[in-house]
Amino acid sequence: MNQQSDWENSELLHFSNLIHKFNFAMRNNLQIARDYDMGEAYTAIESHLVLDIEKRPGITVTELAKERSCSKSAITQAVNRLEKKGLVQRAKASDNQKASLLFVTPKGRTLTHNHISFDIKDTQELINHIKTKFSDDEIRTFFSIISYILRLDDTK
């Protein structure tokens, strides 16, 4: 049985457009290269990929691709760039010479530390701006909804 929606199609289309605009804005923000006090510019995508490797020393490209919901070839290309920049290094697995284990270099650790500091400051500035229009409870609800949506995506 098809349940009638409480939402008008025009409103649903408006919400859909807002979601797409938000996604594009977030994707574009992730691709902006920033210095992070490193003397070189890195994107948030690169920084977070290095952070993922730092959190799981010895992770493989295959595991990283699965965690990131990306293709193995896309992660391989990204890791190759990170390796050339001196942020990560590969080591062969002792039990499987085909598998490369990924590790963060000291330069990579500096990047993740600096990037985390940037993220905290940037997020605080965003929240301060949002607080001019919304309550703390509303802001927390927004982030709860984002968390819920991301968990839905994990079940696919």
Protein backbone atom coordinates (compact mmCIF):
# COMPACT_ATOMS: atom_id res chain seq x y z
CA MET A 1 0.00 0.00 0.00
CA ASN A 2 1.39 3.39 -1.03
CA GLN A 3 1.26 5.84 1.87
CA GLN A 4 0.44 9.46 1.03
CA SER A 5 3.27 11.84 1.79
CA ASP A 6 2.76 14.88 4.01
CA TRP A 7 5.18 16.81 1.79
CA GLU A 8 4.26 18.61 -1.41
CA ASN A 9 6.24 17.69 -4.51
CA SER A 10 7.43 21.28 -4.92
CA GLU A 11 8.80 21.27 -1.39
CA LEU A 12 10.46 17.88 -1.90
CA LEU A 13 12.07 19.16 -5.10
CA HIS A 14 13.27 22.25 -3.23
CA PHE A 15 14.80 20.02 -0.50
CA SER A 16 16.42 17.84 -3.16
CA ASN A 17 17.97 20.90 -4.79
CA LEU A 18 19.26 22.13 -1.43
CA ILE A 19 20.84 18.73 -0.73
CA HIS A 20 22.57 18.75 -4.12
CA LYS A 21 23.83 22.32 -3.65
CA PHE A 22 25.11 21.39 -0.19
CA ASN A 23 26.87 18.31 -1.58
CA PHE A 24 28.53 20.36 -4.33
CA ALA A 25 29.61 23.04 -1.86
CA MET A 26 31.12 20.43 0.48
CA ARG A 27 32.89 18.64 -2.38
CA ASN A 28 34.32 21.93 -3.65
CA ASN A 29 35.46 22.85 -0.13
CA LEU A 30 37.27 19.52 0.19
CA GLN A 31 39.16 20.20 -3.04
CA ILE A 32 40.53 23.61 -2.02
CA ALA A 33 44.28 23.39 -1.40
CA ARG A 34 45.39 25.03 1.85
CA ASP A 35 48.81 25.47 3.43
CA TYR A 36 48.01 24.19 6.98
CA ASP A 37 51.34 25.78 8.08
CA MET A 38 53.26 23.22 6.03
CA GLY A 39 54.82 25.47 3.39
CA GLU A 40 52.90 23.45 0.79
CA ALA A 41 49.22 23.28 -0.07
CA TYR A 42 47.12 20.17 0.52
CA THR A 43 43.42 19.52 0.04
CA ALA A 44 41.16 18.39 2.86
CA ILE A 45 40.67 15.16 0.90
CA GLU A 46 44.41 14.50 1.02
CA SER A 47 44.63 15.45 4.70
CA HIS A 48 41.74 13.21 5.69
CA LEU A 49 43.11 10.30 3.66
CA VAL A 50 46.44 10.67 5.50
CA LEU A 51 44.48 10.80 8.78
CA ASP A 52 42.65 7.58 7.85
CA ILE A 53 46.03 5.90 7.29
CA GLU A 54 47.41 7.33 10.53
CA LYS A 55 44.44 5.94 12.47
CA ARG A 56 44.98 2.47 10.95
CA PRO A 57 48.72 1.94 10.40
CA GLY A 58 49.25 -0.89 7.94
CA ILE A 59 45.89 -0.47 6.21
CA THR A 60 45.80 -1.63 2.60
CA VAL A 61 44.53 0.26 -0.43
CA THR A 62 41.68 -2.23 -0.70
CA GLU A 63 40.60 -1.66 2.91
CA LEU A 64 40.90 2.11 2.51
CA ALA A 65 38.81 2.03 -0.68
CA LYS A 66 36.11 0.05 1.12
CA GLU A 67 36.09 2.44 4.11
CA ARG A 68 35.93 5.47 1.80
CA SER A 69 33.36 3.94 -0.59
CA CYS A 70 35.74 4.69 -3.46
CA SER A 71 37.19 2.57 -6.20
CA LYS A 72 40.50 0.87 -5.53
CA SER A 73 42.02 2.66 -8.53
CA ALA A 74 40.97 6.10 -7.19
CA ILE A 75 42.56 5.33 -3.81
CA THR A 76 45.68 3.95 -5.49
CA GLN A 77 46.07 7.17 -7.48
CA ALA A 78 45.55 9.28 -4.35
CA VAL A 79 48.04 7.20 -2.33
CA ASN A 80 50.58 7.52 -5.16
CA ARG A 81 50.27 11.33 -4.94
CA LEU A 82 50.54 11.24 -1.14
CA GLU A 83 53.62 9.04 -1.38
CA LYS A 84 55.27 11.42 -3.89
CA LYS A 85 54.56 14.29 -1.49
CA GLY A 86 56.28 12.38 1.32
CA LEU A 87 53.15 12.02 3.46
CA VAL A 88 52.75 8.24 3.38
CA GLN A 89 54.91 5.25 2.64
CA ARG A 90 54.27 1.69 1.57
CA ALA A 91 55.70 -1.50 3.00
CA LYS A 92 55.19 -5.04 1.77
CA ALA A 93 53.17 -7.31 3.99
CA SER A 94 55.31 -10.12 5.39
CA ASP A 95 52.61 -12.71 4.73
CA ASN A 96 51.58 -11.43 1.27
CA GLN A 97 54.18 -9.80 -0.98
CA LYS A 98 51.44 -8.48 -3.28
CA ALA A 99 49.79 -6.44 -0.53
CA SER A 100 51.20 -3.02 0.30
CA LEU A 101 50.66 -1.73 3.80
CA LEU A 102 50.29 2.00 4.21
CA PHE A 103 51.94 4.09 6.91
CA VAL A 104 52.11 7.81 7.64
CA THR A 105 55.48 9.56 7.59
CA PRO A 106 56.50 12.18 10.18
CA LYS A 107 55.61 14.84 7.58
CA GLY A 108 52.17 13.20 7.21
CA ARG A 109 51.67 13.28 11.00
CA THR A 110 52.49 16.99 11.03
CA LEU A 111 49.91 17.54 8.28
CA THR A 112 47.17 15.65 10.14
CA HIS A 113 47.93 17.49 13.39
CA ASN A 114 47.82 20.88 11.64
CA HIS A 115 44.73 19.93 9.66
CA ILE A 116 42.85 18.85 12.79
CA SER A 117 43.66 22.21 14.41
CA PHE A 118 42.38 23.96 11.26
CA ASP A 119 39.18 21.87 11.24
CA ILE A 120 38.45 22.66 14.88
CA LYS A 121 38.94 26.40 14.35
CA ASP A 122 36.99 26.39 11.07
CA THR A 123 34.10 24.43 12.60
CA GLN A 124 33.98 26.76 15.60
CA GLU A 125 33.78 29.76 13.26
CA LEU A 126 30.96 28.09 11.30
CA ILE A 127 29.04 27.28 14.48
CA ASN A 128 29.51 30.84 15.76
CA HIS A 129 28.03 32.11 12.51
CA ILE A 130 25.14 29.61 12.57
CA LYS A 131 24.39 30.51 16.22
CA THR A 132 23.28 33.95 15.09
CA LYS A 133 20.24 32.25 13.54
CA PHE A 134 19.82 28.89 15.31
CA SER A 135 19.95 27.57 18.88
CA ASP A 136 22.57 25.11 20.13
CA ASP A 137 19.85 22.42 20.23
CA GLU A 138 18.94 23.08 16.59
CA ILE A 139 22.60 22.92 15.57
CA ARG A 140 23.06 19.63 17.44
CA THR A 141 19.90 18.29 15.75
CA PHE A 142 21.34 19.22 12.34
CA PHE A 143 24.52 17.26 13.09
CA SER A 144 22.47 14.34 14.44
CA ILE A 145 20.54 14.26 11.17
CA ILE A 146 23.79 14.29 9.17
CA SER A 147 25.09 11.39 11.31
CA TYR A 148 21.89 9.46 10.75
CA ILE A 149 22.01 10.01 6.98
CA LEU A 150 25.63 8.85 6.86
CA ARG A 151 24.71 5.68 8.75
CA LEU A 152 21.95 5.05 6.18
CA ASP A 153 24.55 5.32 3.43
CA ASP A 154 26.77 2.77 5.26
CA THR A 155 24.01 0.15 5.03
CA LYS A 156 23.87 0.25 1.23
